[in-house]
Amino acid sequence: MAVDEKTIIRGLMEGSEDAYRYVFRTYYGPMCILAETILLDEFQAQAAVSDVISHLYEVRSEVEIHSNLRSYLMMSTRNHCLNLLNSKTVRTVQTFSTLSDSDTNDIFSGVDNVTPQGKLLDNELEGLMHDCIENLPEPIKSTFIKSRFQDMTYRQIGAEDGVSANTIKVRIQQALKIIERRFSKYLTILTFFMVFV
């Protein structure tokens, strides 16, 4: 039996349990898949989707769904995930920017080209970075290389690949997330210093 979408939307606005149960049963899976492609983390994706559905309930009386329900939910999920990525980047940059020059020198004192340990670590990190970039999935890999090593803008890459600049931005974010995971054991030391300075 076909479900009347207008009835579901009206139910969402009225806080109907049946309407929210329908949304959860029908759209939770696709929303999680979309969220995971952006956040690259299953747990964070599920939390993000729960946030979207909870927010929908919180603002139910003010909701205006002009497209179909699926489009609205997927767009809300996408926007929320991108906001999460942006806020995480901003927090990291702000935290790091609060360190003085002497603090950053202390953190990176072991990474140099003078001492044997520094050379070894520098070579190891360079090798890991090269391998990590080589193993990125396409089209994320080619997008990342064009952006970081060929100095192309998101708009230029998008025009070349036939996609929007926003798609390129998402690909770069995905690449950075993969690289961050790969280097997490090295970043843990940096994070420790950033938290306790």
N, C-alpha and C. Protein backbone atom coordinates (compact mmCIF):
# COMPACT_ATOMS: atom_id res chain seq x y z
N MET A 1 0.83 -1.19 0.00
CA MET A 1 0.00 0.00 0.00
C MET A 1 0.88 1.25 0.00
N ALA A 2 0.61 2.19 -0.90
CA ALA A 2 1.41 3.40 -1.04
C ALA A 2 1.18 4.31 0.17
N VAL A 3 2.24 4.93 0.59
CA VAL A 3 2.17 5.86 1.72
C VAL A 3 2.00 7.27 1.18
N ASP A 4 1.06 7.99 1.76
CA ASP A 4 0.83 9.38 1.36
C ASP A 4 1.87 10.26 2.05
N GLU A 5 2.79 10.80 1.25
CA GLU A 5 3.89 11.58 1.81
C GLU A 5 3.40 12.83 2.53
N LYS A 6 2.36 13.44 2.03
CA LYS A 6 1.82 14.65 2.68
C LYS A 6 1.33 14.32 4.08
N THR A 7 0.74 13.14 4.23
CA THR A 7 0.26 12.71 5.55
C THR A 7 1.44 12.50 6.49
N ILE A 8 2.53 11.91 5.98
CA ILE A 8 3.72 11.68 6.79
C ILE A 8 4.32 13.02 7.22
N ILE A 9 4.43 13.95 6.28
CA ILE A 9 5.00 15.27 6.60
C ILE A 9 4.14 15.99 7.63
N ARG A 10 2.83 15.92 7.46
CA ARG A 10 1.93 16.53 8.44
C ARG A 10 2.11 15.86 9.81
N GLY A 11 2.26 14.53 9.80
CA GLY A 11 2.50 13.79 11.04
C GLY A 11 3.80 14.20 11.71
N LEU A 12 4.84 14.43 10.90
CA LEU A 12 6.13 14.89 11.45
C LEU A 12 5.96 16.24 12.13
N MET A 13 5.23 17.13 11.49
CA MET A 13 5.02 18.46 12.04
C MET A 13 4.21 18.43 13.33
N GLU A 14 3.35 17.41 13.46
CA GLU A 14 2.51 17.27 14.65
C GLU A 14 3.16 16.41 15.73
N GLY A 15 4.35 15.85 15.42
CA GLY A 15 5.04 15.02 16.41
C GLY A 15 4.51 13.60 16.50
N SER A 16 3.87 13.10 15.45
CA SER A 16 3.31 11.76 15.45
C SER A 16 4.40 10.69 15.54
N GLU A 17 4.27 9.79 16.52
CA GLU A 17 5.24 8.70 16.66
C GLU A 17 5.26 7.83 15.42
N ASP A 18 4.10 7.58 14.84
CA ASP A 18 4.03 6.74 13.64
C ASP A 18 4.80 7.37 12.49
N ALA A 19 4.71 8.69 12.34
CA ALA A 19 5.42 9.38 11.27
C ALA A 19 6.92 9.27 11.47
N TYR A 20 7.39 9.45 12.71
CA TYR A 20 8.83 9.36 12.98
C TYR A 20 9.32 7.92 12.87
N ARG A 21 8.47 6.98 13.26
CA ARG A 21 8.81 5.57 13.10
C ARG A 21 8.96 5.24 11.61
N TYR A 22 8.07 5.80 10.77
CA TYR A 22 8.14 5.60 9.32
C TYR A 22 9.46 6.17 8.77
N VAL A 23 9.81 7.38 9.19
CA VAL A 23 11.06 8.01 8.73
C VAL A 23 12.25 7.15 9.13
N PHE A 24 12.26 6.69 10.36
CA PHE A 24 13.37 5.88 10.84
C PHE A 24 13.47 4.58 10.04
N ARG A 25 12.35 3.90 9.88
CA ARG A 25 12.32 2.61 9.18
C ARG A 25 12.68 2.75 7.70
N THR A 26 12.23 3.82 7.07
CA THR A 26 12.40 3.99 5.63
C THR A 26 13.69 4.68 5.24
N TYR A 27 14.11 5.68 6.01
CA TYR A 27 15.22 6.52 5.56
C TYR A 27 16.49 6.45 6.39
N TYR A 28 16.43 5.83 7.57
CA TYR A 28 17.61 5.79 8.43
C TYR A 28 18.81 5.15 7.71
N GLY A 29 18.59 4.02 7.07
CA GLY A 29 19.67 3.32 6.37
C GLY A 29 20.32 4.17 5.29
N PRO A 30 19.53 4.70 4.33
CA PRO A 30 20.14 5.55 3.29
C PRO A 30 20.81 6.80 3.85
N MET A 31 20.23 7.38 4.90
CA MET A 31 20.84 8.56 5.52
C MET A 31 22.20 8.20 6.13
N CYS A 32 22.29 7.04 6.78
CA CYS A 32 23.56 6.59 7.37
C CYS A 32 24.61 6.34 6.30
N ILE A 33 24.19 5.76 5.18
CA ILE A 33 25.14 5.49 4.08
C ILE A 33 25.71 6.81 3.57
N LEU A 34 24.84 7.79 3.36
CA LEU A 34 25.30 9.10 2.90
C LEU A 34 26.24 9.74 3.93
N ALA A 35 25.84 9.70 5.20
CA ALA A 35 26.65 10.30 6.26
C ALA A 35 28.02 9.64 6.35
N GLU A 36 28.06 8.32 6.19
CA GLU A 36 29.35 7.62 6.30
C GLU A 36 30.26 7.93 5.12
N THR A 37 29.69 8.16 3.93
CA THR A 37 30.53 8.53 2.79
C THR A 37 31.18 9.90 3.01
N ILE A 38 30.53 10.75 3.79
CA ILE A 38 31.08 12.08 4.06
C ILE A 38 32.01 12.05 5.26
N LEU A 39 31.58 11.41 6.34
CA LEU A 39 32.35 11.43 7.60
C LEU A 39 33.40 10.32 7.69
N LEU A 40 33.21 9.27 6.87
CA LEU A 40 34.14 8.13 6.85
C LEU A 40 34.27 7.44 8.21
N ASP A 41 33.18 7.44 8.95
CA ASP A 41 33.17 6.81 10.26
C ASP A 41 31.74 6.37 10.56
N GLU A 42 31.56 5.06 10.76
CA GLU A 42 30.21 4.52 10.93
C GLU A 42 29.53 5.07 12.18
N PHE A 43 30.24 5.11 13.29
CA PHE A 43 29.64 5.59 14.54
C PHE A 43 29.24 7.07 14.42
N GLN A 44 30.16 7.90 13.89
CA GLN A 44 29.84 9.32 13.71
C GLN A 44 28.68 9.51 12.75
N ALA A 45 28.61 8.66 11.73
CA ALA A 45 27.52 8.76 10.75
C ALA A 45 26.18 8.48 11.43
N GLN A 46 26.11 7.42 12.23
CA GLN A 46 24.87 7.09 12.92
C GLN A 46 24.47 8.20 13.89
N ALA A 47 25.46 8.76 14.58
CA ALA A 47 25.18 9.86 15.51
C ALA A 47 24.67 11.08 14.76
N ALA A 48 25.26 11.34 13.59
CA ALA A 48 24.84 12.50 12.78
C ALA A 48 23.40 12.34 12.31
N VAL A 49 23.05 11.13 11.86
CA VAL A 49 21.68 10.88 11.40
C VAL A 49 20.70 11.01 12.55
N SER A 50 21.07 10.51 13.71
CA SER A 50 20.21 10.66 14.89
C SER A 50 20.02 12.14 15.22
N ASP A 51 21.09 12.92 15.07
CA ASP A 51 20.99 14.37 15.29
C ASP A 51 19.99 15.01 14.34
N VAL A 52 20.06 14.60 13.06
CA VAL A 52 19.16 15.17 12.05
C VAL A 52 17.71 14.86 12.38
N ILE A 53 17.43 13.61 12.75
CA ILE A 53 16.06 13.21 13.07
C ILE A 53 15.59 13.90 14.35
N SER A 54 16.47 13.99 15.34
CA SER A 54 16.12 14.68 16.59
C SER A 54 15.83 16.16 16.33
N HIS A 55 16.68 16.78 15.50
CA HIS A 55 16.47 18.20 15.18
C HIS A 55 15.14 18.39 14.45
N LEU A 56 14.82 17.46 13.57
CA LEU A 56 13.54 17.53 12.86
C LEU A 56 12.38 17.54 13.86
N TYR A 57 12.50 16.72 14.90
CA TYR A 57 11.46 16.68 15.93
C TYR A 57 11.43 17.99 16.73
N GLU A 58 12.61 18.51 17.07
CA GLU A 58 12.69 19.73 17.88
C GLU A 58 12.08 20.95 17.17
N VAL A 59 12.25 21.01 15.86
CA VAL A 59 11.75 22.18 15.11
C VAL A 59 10.51 21.82 14.28
N ARG A 60 9.82 20.76 14.68
CA ARG A 60 8.73 20.21 13.88
C ARG A 60 7.66 21.22 13.50
N SER A 61 7.34 22.14 14.40
CA SER A 61 6.27 23.10 14.10
C SER A 61 6.70 24.16 13.09
N GLU A 62 8.01 24.29 12.89
CA GLU A 62 8.54 25.30 11.98
C GLU A 62 9.02 24.72 10.65
N VAL A 63 8.97 23.39 10.53
CA VAL A 63 9.52 22.72 9.35
C VAL A 63 8.71 23.05 8.10
N GLU A 64 9.44 23.36 7.04
CA GLU A 64 8.82 23.57 5.73
C GLU A 64 9.53 22.67 4.74
N ILE A 65 8.87 21.61 4.31
CA ILE A 65 9.45 20.67 3.36
C ILE A 65 8.83 20.95 2.01
N HIS A 66 9.61 21.59 1.12
CA HIS A 66 9.09 21.97 -0.20
C HIS A 66 9.40 20.91 -1.24
N SER A 67 10.47 20.11 -1.02
CA SER A 67 10.79 19.02 -1.94
C SER A 67 10.14 17.76 -1.38
N ASN A 68 10.48 16.60 -1.98
CA ASN A 68 9.93 15.38 -1.39
C ASN A 68 10.69 15.07 -0.10
N LEU A 69 10.11 14.23 0.72
CA LEU A 69 10.65 13.95 2.06
C LEU A 69 12.06 13.37 1.99
N ARG A 70 12.27 12.43 1.07
CA ARG A 70 13.60 11.82 0.94
C ARG A 70 14.66 12.88 0.63
N SER A 71 14.38 13.75 -0.33
CA SER A 71 15.33 14.80 -0.70
C SER A 71 15.63 15.70 0.49
N TYR A 72 14.59 16.05 1.23
CA TYR A 72 14.76 16.92 2.39
C TYR A 72 15.67 16.26 3.43
N LEU A 73 15.41 14.99 3.73
CA LEU A 73 16.19 14.28 4.74
C LEU A 73 17.64 14.07 4.30
N MET A 74 17.83 13.75 3.03
CA MET A 74 19.19 13.53 2.53
C MET A 74 19.98 14.84 2.51
N MET A 75 19.33 15.93 2.11
CA MET A 75 20.00 17.22 2.10
C MET A 75 20.33 17.66 3.53
N SER A 76 19.40 17.43 4.45
CA SER A 76 19.66 17.78 5.86
C SER A 76 20.84 16.99 6.40
N THR A 77 20.91 15.71 6.05
CA THR A 77 22.01 14.85 6.49
C THR A 77 23.33 15.34 5.92
N ARG A 78 23.33 15.61 4.62
CA ARG A 78 24.55 16.10 3.96
C ARG A 78 25.04 17.40 4.61
N ASN A 79 24.13 18.34 4.79
CA ASN A 79 24.51 19.64 5.37
C ASN A 79 25.04 19.48 6.79
N HIS A 80 24.38 18.64 7.58
CA HIS A 80 24.82 18.44 8.96
C HIS A 80 26.22 17.82 8.98
N CYS A 81 26.46 16.84 8.13
CA CYS A 81 27.78 16.19 8.09
C CYS A 81 28.87 17.17 7.66
N LEU A 82 28.58 17.99 6.66
CA LEU A 82 29.56 18.98 6.22
C LEU A 82 29.83 20.00 7.32
N ASN A 83 28.79 20.38 8.05
CA ASN A 83 28.98 21.30 9.19
C ASN A 83 29.86 20.66 10.26
N LEU A 84 29.65 19.36 10.50
CA LEU A 84 30.48 18.67 11.48
C LEU A 84 31.95 18.66 11.05
N LEU A 85 32.18 18.38 9.78
CA LEU A 85 33.56 18.39 9.27
C LEU A 85 34.18 19.77 9.39
N ASN A 86 33.42 20.79 9.01
CA ASN A 86 33.94 22.16 9.08
C ASN A 86 34.22 22.57 10.51
N SER A 87 33.33 22.24 11.43
CA SER A 87 33.54 22.65 12.82
C SER A 87 34.73 21.92 13.41
N LYS A 88 34.95 20.67 13.02
CA LYS A 88 36.11 19.91 13.52
C LYS A 88 37.40 20.55 13.00
N THR A 89 37.40 20.94 11.73
CA THR A 89 38.58 21.60 11.16
C THR A 89 38.85 22.91 11.87
N VAL A 90 37.81 23.69 12.11
CA VAL A 90 37.97 24.98 12.78
C VAL A 90 38.49 24.78 14.19
N ARG A 91 37.94 23.81 14.92
CA ARG A 91 38.41 23.56 16.29
C ARG A 91 39.88 23.17 16.30
N THR A 92 40.29 22.32 15.35
CA THR A 92 41.68 21.88 15.30
C THR A 92 42.59 23.06 15.00
N VAL A 93 42.22 23.87 14.03
CA VAL A 93 43.04 25.03 13.65
C VAL A 93 43.11 26.02 14.80
N GLN A 94 41.98 26.28 15.46
CA GLN A 94 41.97 27.23 16.57
C GLN A 94 42.82 26.72 17.72
N THR A 95 42.71 25.44 18.02
CA THR A 95 43.48 24.87 19.13
C THR A 95 44.97 24.99 18.83
N PHE A 96 45.36 24.63 17.61
CA PHE A 96 46.76 24.69 17.25
C PHE A 96 47.26 26.13 17.21
N SER A 97 46.40 27.05 16.76
CA SER A 97 46.83 28.44 16.62
C SER A 97 47.05 29.12 17.98
N THR A 98 46.54 28.53 19.06
CA THR A 98 46.74 29.13 20.38
C THR A 98 48.12 28.83 20.94
N LEU A 99 48.85 27.91 20.31
CA LEU A 99 50.18 27.56 20.80
C LEU A 99 51.18 28.63 20.39
N SER A 100 52.13 28.91 21.28
CA SER A 100 53.19 29.86 20.95
C SER A 100 54.24 29.16 20.10
N ASP A 101 55.15 29.94 19.52
CA ASP A 101 56.22 29.37 18.70
C ASP A 101 57.08 28.41 19.50
N SER A 102 57.36 28.75 20.76
CA SER A 102 58.21 27.86 21.57
C SER A 102 57.49 26.54 21.85
N ASP A 103 56.15 26.60 22.01
CA ASP A 103 55.39 25.37 22.24
C ASP A 103 55.47 24.46 21.02
N THR A 104 55.29 25.05 19.84
CA THR A 104 55.33 24.22 18.62
C THR A 104 56.73 23.69 18.39
N ASN A 105 57.75 24.47 18.75
CA ASN A 105 59.13 23.98 18.62
C ASN A 105 59.35 22.78 19.53
N ASP A 106 58.80 22.83 20.75
CA ASP A 106 58.92 21.70 21.68
C ASP A 106 58.26 20.45 21.11
N ILE A 107 57.08 20.65 20.52
CA ILE A 107 56.33 19.51 19.99
C ILE A 107 57.09 18.84 18.85
N PHE A 108 57.65 19.66 17.97
CA PHE A 108 58.29 19.12 16.78
C PHE A 108 59.81 18.95 16.92
N SER A 109 60.31 19.06 18.14
CA SER A 109 61.76 19.03 18.32
C SER A 109 62.39 17.73 17.83
N GLY A 110 61.64 16.64 17.84
CA GLY A 110 62.20 15.37 17.38
C GLY A 110 62.15 15.21 15.88
N VAL A 111 61.40 16.08 15.18
CA VAL A 111 61.27 15.95 13.74
C VAL A 111 62.19 16.97 13.09
N ASP A 112 63.39 16.51 12.71
CA ASP A 112 64.33 17.41 12.06
C ASP A 112 65.17 16.61 11.08
N ASN A 113 66.01 17.29 10.35
CA ASN A 113 66.88 16.62 9.39
C ASN A 113 68.32 16.57 9.88
N VAL A 114 68.53 16.84 11.17
CA VAL A 114 69.88 16.91 11.70
C VAL A 114 70.22 15.64 12.48
N THR A 115 69.38 15.32 13.46
CA THR A 115 69.67 14.14 14.28
C THR A 115 69.29 12.88 13.52
N PRO A 116 69.93 11.74 13.83
CA PRO A 116 69.57 10.48 13.17
C PRO A 116 68.10 10.12 13.39
N GLN A 117 67.61 10.38 14.62
CA GLN A 117 66.20 10.07 14.89
C GLN A 117 65.28 10.95 14.05
N GLY A 118 65.65 12.23 13.93
CA GLY A 118 64.84 13.15 13.14
C GLY A 118 64.79 12.75 11.68
N LYS A 119 65.96 12.37 11.13
CA LYS A 119 66.01 11.93 9.73
C LYS A 119 65.16 10.68 9.52
N LEU A 120 65.28 9.75 10.46
CA LEU A 120 64.53 8.50 10.36
C LEU A 120 63.03 8.75 10.39
N LEU A 121 62.59 9.57 11.36
CA LEU A 121 61.17 9.88 11.47
C LEU A 121 60.67 10.64 10.25
N ASP A 122 61.46 11.59 9.78
CA ASP A 122 61.09 12.37 8.61
C ASP A 122 60.92 11.47 7.39
N ASN A 123 61.87 10.53 7.18
CA ASN A 123 61.79 9.61 6.06
C ASN A 123 60.59 8.67 6.20
N GLU A 124 60.36 8.22 7.43
CA GLU A 124 59.24 7.31 7.67
C GLU A 124 57.91 8.00 7.37
N LEU A 125 57.76 9.24 7.86
CA LEU A 125 56.53 9.98 7.63
C LEU A 125 56.33 10.27 6.14
N GLU A 126 57.40 10.62 5.46
CA GLU A 126 57.30 10.90 4.03
C GLU A 126 56.87 9.65 3.26
N GLY A 127 57.45 8.51 3.63
CA GLY A 127 57.08 7.25 2.98
C GLY A 127 55.63 6.87 3.26
N LEU A 128 55.22 7.05 4.52
CA LEU A 128 53.83 6.75 4.88
C LEU A 128 52.86 7.65 4.12
N MET A 129 53.20 8.93 4.00
CA MET A 129 52.35 9.86 3.28
C MET A 129 52.22 9.46 1.81
N HIS A 130 53.34 9.11 1.20
CA HIS A 130 53.33 8.70 -0.20
C HIS A 130 52.45 7.47 -0.39
N ASP A 131 52.63 6.45 0.47
CA ASP A 131 51.83 5.23 0.38
C ASP A 131 50.35 5.52 0.60
N CYS A 132 50.08 6.39 1.57
CA CYS A 132 48.69 6.72 1.89
C CYS A 132 48.00 7.38 0.70
N ILE A 133 48.67 8.32 0.06
CA ILE A 133 48.09 9.01 -1.10
C ILE A 133 47.92 8.03 -2.25
N GLU A 134 48.90 7.18 -2.47
CA GLU A 134 48.81 6.19 -3.56
C GLU A 134 47.65 5.23 -3.37
N ASN A 135 47.29 4.96 -2.12
CA ASN A 135 46.22 4.00 -1.83
C ASN A 135 44.84 4.64 -1.65
N LEU A 136 44.74 5.95 -1.85
CA LEU A 136 43.43 6.60 -1.78
C LEU A 136 42.55 6.06 -2.92
N PRO A 137 41.26 5.87 -2.66
CA PRO A 137 40.38 5.40 -3.73
C PRO A 137 40.15 6.51 -4.76
N GLU A 138 39.93 6.10 -6.00
CA GLU A 138 39.56 7.08 -7.03
C GLU A 138 38.08 7.40 -6.87
N PRO A 139 37.64 8.60 -7.19
CA PRO A 139 38.37 9.74 -7.73
C PRO A 139 39.00 10.63 -6.65
N ILE A 140 38.94 10.19 -5.39
CA ILE A 140 39.49 10.99 -4.29
C ILE A 140 40.99 11.22 -4.51
N LYS A 141 41.70 10.17 -4.93
CA LYS A 141 43.15 10.26 -5.11
C LYS A 141 43.51 11.32 -6.15
N SER A 142 42.93 11.23 -7.34
CA SER A 142 43.30 12.18 -8.39
C SER A 142 42.90 13.60 -8.01
N THR A 143 41.76 13.76 -7.33
CA THR A 143 41.33 15.08 -6.89
C THR A 143 42.33 15.66 -5.89
N PHE A 144 42.76 14.84 -4.93
CA PHE A 144 43.71 15.29 -3.91
C PHE A 144 45.04 15.69 -4.55
N ILE A 145 45.53 14.89 -5.48
CA ILE A 145 46.81 15.19 -6.15
C ILE A 145 46.71 16.50 -6.93
N LYS A 146 45.60 16.68 -7.66
CA LYS A 146 45.42 17.92 -8.42
C LYS A 146 45.38 19.14 -7.50
N SER A 147 44.72 18.99 -6.36
CA SER A 147 44.58 20.11 -5.44
C SER A 147 45.89 20.42 -4.71
N ARG A 148 46.55 19.39 -4.20
CA ARG A 148 47.70 19.61 -3.33
C ARG A 148 49.04 19.70 -4.05
N PHE A 149 49.15 19.01 -5.20
CA PHE A 149 50.45 18.95 -5.87
C PHE A 149 50.47 19.66 -7.23
N GLN A 150 49.29 19.92 -7.78
CA GLN A 150 49.24 20.62 -9.06
C GLN A 150 48.64 22.02 -8.90
N ASP A 151 48.38 22.41 -7.65
CA ASP A 151 47.88 23.75 -7.31
C ASP A 151 46.63 24.15 -8.09
N MET A 152 45.75 23.20 -8.36
CA MET A 152 44.50 23.51 -9.05
C MET A 152 43.44 23.89 -8.01
N THR A 153 42.57 24.82 -8.35
CA THR A 153 41.48 25.21 -7.45
C THR A 153 40.36 24.18 -7.54
N TYR A 154 39.45 24.20 -6.56
CA TYR A 154 38.30 23.29 -6.58
C TYR A 154 37.49 23.49 -7.86
N ARG A 155 37.34 24.74 -8.25
CA ARG A 155 36.56 25.05 -9.45
C ARG A 155 37.24 24.48 -10.71
N GLN A 156 38.56 24.61 -10.79
CA GLN A 156 39.29 24.07 -11.95
C GLN A 156 39.19 22.55 -12.00
N ILE A 157 39.35 21.90 -10.85
CA ILE A 157 39.26 20.43 -10.81
C ILE A 157 37.84 19.99 -11.17
N GLY A 158 36.85 20.69 -10.61
CA GLY A 158 35.46 20.36 -10.91
C GLY A 158 35.16 20.48 -12.40
N ALA A 159 35.66 21.54 -13.02
CA ALA A 159 35.44 21.73 -14.46
C ALA A 159 36.09 20.61 -15.25
N GLU A 160 37.30 20.22 -14.84
CA GLU A 160 38.01 19.14 -15.54
C GLU A 160 37.32 17.80 -15.37
N ASP A 161 36.80 17.55 -14.15
CA ASP A 161 36.16 16.27 -13.86
C ASP A 161 34.67 16.24 -14.18
N GLY A 162 34.10 17.41 -14.50
CA GLY A 162 32.67 17.47 -14.81
C GLY A 162 31.78 17.37 -13.60
N VAL A 163 32.26 17.88 -12.45
CA VAL A 163 31.47 17.88 -11.22
C VAL A 163 31.54 19.26 -10.59
N SER A 164 30.74 19.48 -9.56
CA SER A 164 30.71 20.79 -8.91
C SER A 164 31.92 20.98 -8.00
N ALA A 165 32.20 22.24 -7.68
CA ALA A 165 33.28 22.58 -6.75
C ALA A 165 33.00 21.99 -5.37
N ASN A 166 31.71 21.91 -4.99
CA ASN A 166 31.34 21.31 -3.70
C ASN A 166 31.71 19.83 -3.65
N THR A 167 31.52 19.13 -4.77
CA THR A 167 31.90 17.71 -4.84
C THR A 167 33.41 17.57 -4.62
N ILE A 168 34.17 18.48 -5.23
CA ILE A 168 35.62 18.45 -5.06
C ILE A 168 35.98 18.70 -3.61
N LYS A 169 35.29 19.65 -2.97
CA LYS A 169 35.54 19.95 -1.55
C LYS A 169 35.30 18.72 -0.69
N VAL A 170 34.21 18.00 -0.97
CA VAL A 170 33.90 16.79 -0.20
C VAL A 170 34.98 15.73 -0.42
N ARG A 171 35.44 15.58 -1.66
CA ARG A 171 36.50 14.61 -1.94
C ARG A 171 37.78 14.94 -1.17
N ILE A 172 38.12 16.21 -1.13
CA ILE A 172 39.33 16.62 -0.39
C ILE A 172 39.15 16.32 1.09
N GLN A 173 37.96 16.60 1.63
CA GLN A 173 37.70 16.31 3.04
C GLN A 173 37.81 14.81 3.31
N GLN A 174 37.31 13.99 2.36
CA GLN A 174 37.40 12.55 2.52
C GLN A 174 38.86 12.10 2.51
N ALA A 175 39.64 12.66 1.60
CA ALA A 175 41.07 12.32 1.54
C ALA A 175 41.77 12.67 2.84
N LEU A 176 41.50 13.86 3.35
CA LEU A 176 42.13 14.30 4.59
C LEU A 176 41.73 13.42 5.77
N LYS A 177 40.48 12.96 5.77
CA LYS A 177 40.02 12.08 6.84
C LYS A 177 40.76 10.75 6.80
N ILE A 178 40.94 10.21 5.59
CA ILE A 178 41.68 8.94 5.44
C ILE A 178 43.12 9.12 5.90
N ILE A 179 43.74 10.22 5.47
CA ILE A 179 45.13 10.49 5.86
C ILE A 179 45.23 10.68 7.37
N GLU A 180 44.26 11.38 7.95
CA GLU A 180 44.26 11.59 9.40
C GLU A 180 44.21 10.26 10.13
N ARG A 181 43.36 9.34 9.65
CA ARG A 181 43.28 8.02 10.28
C ARG A 181 44.60 7.27 10.19
N ARG A 182 45.20 7.35 9.03
CA ARG A 182 46.47 6.64 8.79
C ARG A 182 47.57 7.16 9.71
N PHE A 183 47.53 8.45 9.99
CA PHE A 183 48.58 9.07 10.79
C PHE A 183 48.16 9.28 12.25
N SER A 184 47.09 8.63 12.66
CA SER A 184 46.53 8.89 13.99
C SER A 184 47.53 8.62 15.11
N LYS A 185 48.38 7.59 14.94
CA LYS A 185 49.33 7.31 16.03
C LYS A 185 50.36 8.42 16.17
N TYR A 186 50.69 9.09 15.06
CA TYR A 186 51.62 10.22 15.13
C TYR A 186 50.91 11.46 15.66
N LEU A 187 49.62 11.60 15.28
CA LEU A 187 48.86 12.76 15.71
C LEU A 187 48.50 12.70 17.19
N THR A 188 48.44 11.49 17.74
CA THR A 188 48.09 11.33 19.15
C THR A 188 49.08 12.09 20.04
N ILE A 189 50.35 12.04 19.70
CA ILE A 189 51.38 12.75 20.48
C ILE A 189 51.13 14.25 20.38
N LEU A 190 50.86 14.73 19.17
CA LEU A 190 50.60 16.15 18.96
C LEU A 190 49.35 16.58 19.73
N THR A 191 48.29 15.77 19.66
CA THR A 191 47.05 16.10 20.35
C THR A 191 47.28 16.17 21.85
N PHE A 192 48.08 15.26 22.39
CA PHE A 192 48.39 15.27 23.82
C PHE A 192 48.99 16.61 24.23
N PHE A 193 49.96 17.09 23.47
CA PHE A 193 50.58 18.37 23.78
C PHE A 193 49.59 19.51 23.61
N MET A 194 48.73 19.44 22.58
CA MET A 194 47.79 20.52 22.32
C MET A 194 46.78 20.64 23.46
N VAL A 195 46.40 19.51 24.06
CA VAL A 195 45.40 19.54 25.12
C VAL A 195 46.00 20.05 26.42
N PHE A 196 47.23 19.67 26.72
CA PHE A 196 47.81 19.98 28.02
C PHE A 196 48.69 21.20 28.08
N VAL A 197 48.83 21.91 26.96
CA VAL A 197 49.64 23.14 27.00
C VAL A 197 48.90 24.22 27.77
